[in-house]
Amino acid sequence: MSDSRPPSASATAERSHASIGDLLSEVTRDFSTLVRQEVQLAKAEVRQEAKTAGNVAGMFAVAAIAGLLTLFFLSSALWWGLSNIMDQGWAALIVGAIWAVIGAVLVARARKQMRQLRPLPRTQQTAREIPNALRGR
């Protein structure tokens, strides 16, 4: 990493006498360091986002399995219970409508969590700053 202190008078004098090749070499080296640091930051952020995405995917999977089992067992019980007081066709329709509402609520919650994923926020910010840094701003 480069020193963040301002250049001394002797360093400034050396740069004024440095060749264009030396200056280009220094700029290339600094740019290469900057790119390596950006890649390292991106890797760290991707690991964190992958962990979060894995947790969300796990929640989706468990919700799907639980939903299927619940749908099967409770649907059967409710259908048979309602068929004691009404026609079996109407009882089945009511049970299906109830599970459709429950499914819609679960999907809405999962979508809300998925929207909270923000991929690589720091990398995006520092990458936006690179052109200004190259211009000396």
C-alpha atoms as a PDB file:
ATOM      1  CA  MET A   1       0.000   0.000   0.000  1.00  0.00           C
ATOM      2  CA  SER A   2       1.240   3.511  -0.659  1.00  0.00           C
ATOM      3  CA  ASP A   3       2.005   6.079   2.016  1.00  0.00           C
ATOM      4  CA  SER A   4      -0.840   8.541   2.573  1.00  0.00           C
ATOM      5  CA  ARG A   5       1.474  11.383   3.722  1.00  0.00           C
ATOM      6  CA  PRO A   6       1.916  14.332   1.387  1.00  0.00           C
ATOM      7  CA  PRO A   7       5.109  14.128  -0.671  1.00  0.00           C
ATOM      8  CA  SER A   8       8.114  15.940   0.759  1.00  0.00           C
ATOM      9  CA  ALA A   9       9.917  18.679  -1.118  1.00  0.00           C
ATOM     10  CA  SER A  10      12.671  16.273  -2.182  1.00  0.00           C
ATOM     11  CA  ALA A  11      10.098  13.729  -3.469  1.00  0.00           C
ATOM     12  CA  THR A  12       8.368  16.495  -5.417  1.00  0.00           C
ATOM     13  CA  ALA A  13      11.700  17.588  -6.861  1.00  0.00           C
ATOM     14  CA  GLU A  14      12.505  13.992  -7.846  1.00  0.00           C
ATOM     15  CA  ARG A  15       9.166  13.660  -9.640  1.00  0.00           C
ATOM     16  CA  SER A  16       9.765  16.847 -11.598  1.00  0.00           C
ATOM     17  CA  HIS A  17      12.992  15.297 -12.936  1.00  0.00           C
ATOM     18  CA  ALA A  18      11.547  11.794 -13.432  1.00  0.00           C
ATOM     19  CA  SER A  19      11.104  10.525 -16.943  1.00  0.00           C
ATOM     20  CA  ILE A  20       7.699   9.985 -18.482  1.00  0.00           C
ATOM     21  CA  GLY A  21       8.365   6.248 -18.385  1.00  0.00           C
ATOM     22  CA  ASP A  22       8.991   6.404 -14.624  1.00  0.00           C
ATOM     23  CA  LEU A  23       5.814   8.401 -14.091  1.00  0.00           C
ATOM     24  CA  LEU A  24       3.769   6.010 -16.235  1.00  0.00           C
ATOM     25  CA  SER A  25       5.262   3.092 -14.341  1.00  0.00           C
ATOM     26  CA  GLU A  26       4.258   4.674 -11.035  1.00  0.00           C
ATOM     27  CA  VAL A  27       0.717   5.382 -12.264  1.00  0.00           C
ATOM     28  CA  THR A  28       0.405   1.832 -13.609  1.00  0.00           C
ATOM     29  CA  ARG A  29       1.632   0.373 -10.322  1.00  0.00           C
ATOM     30  CA  ASP A  30      -0.802   2.538  -8.317  1.00  0.00           C
ATOM     31  CA  PHE A  31      -3.678   1.647 -10.624  1.00  0.00           C
ATOM     32  CA  SER A  32      -2.805  -2.043 -10.381  1.00  0.00           C
ATOM     33  CA  THR A  33      -2.836  -1.795  -6.573  1.00  0.00           C
ATOM     34  CA  LEU A  34      -6.187  -0.037  -6.690  1.00  0.00           C
ATOM     35  CA  VAL A  35      -7.682  -2.710  -8.944  1.00  0.00           C
ATOM     36  CA  ARG A  36      -6.343  -5.517  -6.702  1.00  0.00           C
ATOM     37  CA  GLN A  37      -7.879  -3.844  -3.655  1.00  0.00           C
ATOM     38  CA  GLU A  38     -11.204  -3.466  -5.458  1.00  0.00           C
ATOM     39  CA  VAL A  39     -11.171  -7.157  -6.380  1.00  0.00           C
ATOM     40  CA  GLN A  40     -10.449  -8.100  -2.766  1.00  0.00           C
ATOM     41  CA  LEU A  41     -13.328  -5.905  -1.574  1.00  0.00           C
ATOM     42  CA  ALA A  42     -15.650  -7.420  -4.161  1.00  0.00           C
ATOM     43  CA  LYS A  43     -14.709 -10.947  -3.068  1.00  0.00           C
ATOM     44  CA  ALA A  44     -15.415 -10.127   0.579  1.00  0.00           C
ATOM     45  CA  GLU A  45     -18.771  -8.586  -0.265  1.00  0.00           C
ATOM     46  CA  VAL A  46     -19.730 -11.485  -2.541  1.00  0.00           C
ATOM     47  CA  ARG A  47     -18.977 -13.940   0.282  1.00  0.00           C
ATOM     48  CA  GLN A  48     -21.212 -11.973   2.663  1.00  0.00           C
ATOM     49  CA  GLU A  49     -24.033 -11.662   0.120  1.00  0.00           C
ATOM     50  CA  ALA A  50     -23.743 -15.362  -0.767  1.00  0.00           C
ATOM     51  CA  LYS A  51     -24.137 -16.252   2.905  1.00  0.00           C
ATOM     52  CA  THR A  52     -27.259 -14.073   3.160  1.00  0.00           C
ATOM     53  CA  ALA A  53     -28.637 -15.462  -0.099  1.00  0.00           C
ATOM     54  CA  GLY A  54     -27.990 -18.996   1.175  1.00  0.00           C
ATOM     55  CA  ASN A  55     -29.953 -18.244   4.330  1.00  0.00           C
ATOM     56  CA  VAL A  56     -32.837 -16.852   2.287  1.00  0.00           C
ATOM     57  CA  ALA A  57     -32.770 -19.891  -0.019  1.00  0.00           C
ATOM     58  CA  GLY A  58     -32.830 -22.167   3.023  1.00  0.00           C
ATOM     59  CA  MET A  59     -35.854 -20.313   4.365  1.00  0.00           C
ATOM     60  CA  PHE A  60     -37.580 -20.689   0.996  1.00  0.00           C
ATOM     61  CA  ALA A  61     -36.872 -24.430   0.967  1.00  0.00           C
ATOM     62  CA  VAL A  62     -38.094 -25.001   4.516  1.00  0.00           C
ATOM     63  CA  ALA A  63     -41.175 -22.869   3.866  1.00  0.00           C
ATOM     64  CA  ALA A  64     -41.933 -24.891   0.737  1.00  0.00           C
ATOM     65  CA  ILE A  65     -41.592 -28.250   2.489  1.00  0.00           C
ATOM     66  CA  ALA A  66     -43.602 -27.095   5.476  1.00  0.00           C
ATOM     67  CA  GLY A  67     -46.189 -25.615   3.174  1.00  0.00           C
ATOM     68  CA  LEU A  68     -46.578 -28.825   1.223  1.00  0.00           C
ATOM     69  CA  LEU A  69     -46.907 -30.977   4.325  1.00  0.00           C
ATOM     70  CA  THR A  70     -49.296 -28.528   5.932  1.00  0.00           C
ATOM     71  CA  LEU A  71     -51.287 -28.264   2.758  1.00  0.00           C
ATOM     72  CA  PHE A  72     -51.622 -32.005   2.498  1.00  0.00           C
ATOM     73  CA  PHE A  73     -52.533 -32.902   6.071  1.00  0.00           C
ATOM     74  CA  LEU A  74     -54.616 -29.903   7.081  1.00  0.00           C
ATOM     75  CA  SER A  75     -56.364 -29.768   3.740  1.00  0.00           C
ATOM     76  CA  SER A  76     -57.493 -33.333   4.132  1.00  0.00           C
ATOM     77  CA  ALA A  77     -58.650 -32.776   7.705  1.00  0.00           C
ATOM     78  CA  LEU A  78     -60.456 -29.531   6.909  1.00  0.00           C
ATOM     79  CA  TRP A  79     -62.027 -30.941   3.768  1.00  0.00           C
ATOM     80  CA  TRP A  80     -63.388 -33.941   5.653  1.00  0.00           C
ATOM     81  CA  GLY A  81     -64.557 -31.735   8.502  1.00  0.00           C
ATOM     82  CA  LEU A  82     -66.411 -29.346   6.192  1.00  0.00           C
ATOM     83  CA  SER A  83     -67.891 -32.198   4.197  1.00  0.00           C
ATOM     84  CA  ASN A  84     -69.888 -33.128   7.317  1.00  0.00           C
ATOM     85  CA  ILE A  85     -71.910 -29.893   6.975  1.00  0.00           C
ATOM     86  CA  MET A  86     -71.867 -29.298   3.197  1.00  0.00           C
ATOM     87  CA  ASP A  87     -71.237 -30.957  -0.150  1.00  0.00           C
ATOM     88  CA  GLN A  88     -67.689 -32.312  -0.586  1.00  0.00           C
ATOM     89  CA  GLY A  89     -67.112 -30.217  -3.724  1.00  0.00           C
ATOM     90  CA  TRP A  90     -67.812 -26.938  -1.892  1.00  0.00           C
ATOM     91  CA  ALA A  91     -65.706 -28.078   1.057  1.00  0.00           C
ATOM     92  CA  ALA A  92     -62.763 -28.783  -1.271  1.00  0.00           C
ATOM     93  CA  LEU A  93     -63.160 -25.378  -2.943  1.00  0.00           C
ATOM     94  CA  ILE A  94     -63.116 -23.562   0.393  1.00  0.00           C
ATOM     95  CA  VAL A  95     -60.012 -25.443   1.513  1.00  0.00           C
ATOM     96  CA  GLY A  96     -58.237 -24.630  -1.757  1.00  0.00           C
ATOM     97  CA  ALA A  97     -59.060 -20.922  -1.426  1.00  0.00           C
ATOM     98  CA  ILE A  98     -57.695 -20.818   2.127  1.00  0.00           C
ATOM     99  CA  TRP A  99     -54.375 -22.334   1.055  1.00  0.00           C
ATOM    100  CA  ALA A 100     -54.136 -19.971  -1.915  1.00  0.00           C
ATOM    101  CA  VAL A 101     -54.295 -17.013   0.477  1.00  0.00           C
ATOM    102  CA  ILE A 102     -51.676 -18.547   2.771  1.00  0.00           C
ATOM    103  CA  GLY A 103     -49.383 -19.193  -0.194  1.00  0.00           C
ATOM    104  CA  ALA A 104     -49.730 -15.609  -1.393  1.00  0.00           C
ATOM    105  CA  VAL A 105     -48.748 -14.277   2.035  1.00  0.00           C
ATOM    106  CA  LEU A 106     -45.638 -16.493   2.161  1.00  0.00           C
ATOM    107  CA  VAL A 107     -44.536 -15.417  -1.311  1.00  0.00           C
ATOM    108  CA  ALA A 108     -44.989 -11.745  -0.381  1.00  0.00           C
ATOM    109  CA  ARG A 109     -42.794 -12.157   2.701  1.00  0.00           C
ATOM    110  CA  ALA A 110     -40.095 -13.998   0.750  1.00  0.00           C
ATOM    111  CA  ARG A 111     -40.045 -11.318  -1.960  1.00  0.00           C
ATOM    112  CA  LYS A 112     -39.680  -8.627   0.701  1.00  0.00           C
ATOM    113  CA  GLN A 113     -36.606 -10.365   2.129  1.00  0.00           C
ATOM    114  CA  MET A 114     -35.143 -10.871  -1.339  1.00  0.00           C
ATOM    115  CA  ARG A 115     -35.451  -7.136  -2.086  1.00  0.00           C
ATOM    116  CA  GLN A 116     -33.342  -6.399   0.983  1.00  0.00           C
ATOM    117  CA  LEU A 117     -30.297  -8.004  -0.627  1.00  0.00           C
ATOM    118  CA  ARG A 118     -27.924  -5.259  -1.747  1.00  0.00           C
ATOM    119  CA  PRO A 119     -25.088  -6.709  -3.827  1.00  0.00           C
ATOM    120  CA  LEU A 120     -21.611  -5.221  -3.359  1.00  0.00           C
ATOM    121  CA  PRO A 121     -22.503  -1.757  -1.988  1.00  0.00           C
ATOM    122  CA  ARG A 122     -18.975  -0.685  -1.015  1.00  0.00           C
ATOM    123  CA  THR A 123     -17.423  -2.023  -4.206  1.00  0.00           C
ATOM    124  CA  GLN A 124     -19.952  -0.121  -6.299  1.00  0.00           C
ATOM    125  CA  GLN A 125     -19.203   3.088  -4.382  1.00  0.00           C
ATOM    126  CA  THR A 126     -15.428   2.824  -4.647  1.00  0.00           C
ATOM    127  CA  ALA A 127     -15.615   1.772  -8.291  1.00  0.00           C
ATOM    128  CA  ARG A 128     -17.571   4.971  -8.988  1.00  0.00           C
ATOM    129  CA  GLU A 129     -14.733   6.930  -7.384  1.00  0.00           C
ATOM    130  CA  ILE A 130     -11.970   5.463  -9.583  1.00  0.00           C
ATOM    131  CA  PRO A 131     -12.495   7.841 -12.546  1.00  0.00           C
ATOM    132  CA  ASN A 132     -12.297  10.858 -10.216  1.00  0.00           C
ATOM    133  CA  ALA A 133      -9.160   9.466  -8.587  1.00  0.00           C
ATOM    134  CA  LEU A 134      -7.554   9.030 -11.998  1.00  0.00           C
ATOM    135  CA  ARG A 135      -8.332  12.667 -12.773  1.00  0.00           C
ATOM    136  CA  GLY A 136      -6.699  13.743  -9.503  1.00  0.00           C
ATOM    137  CA  ARG A 137      -9.899  14.745  -7.700  1.00  0.00           C
END
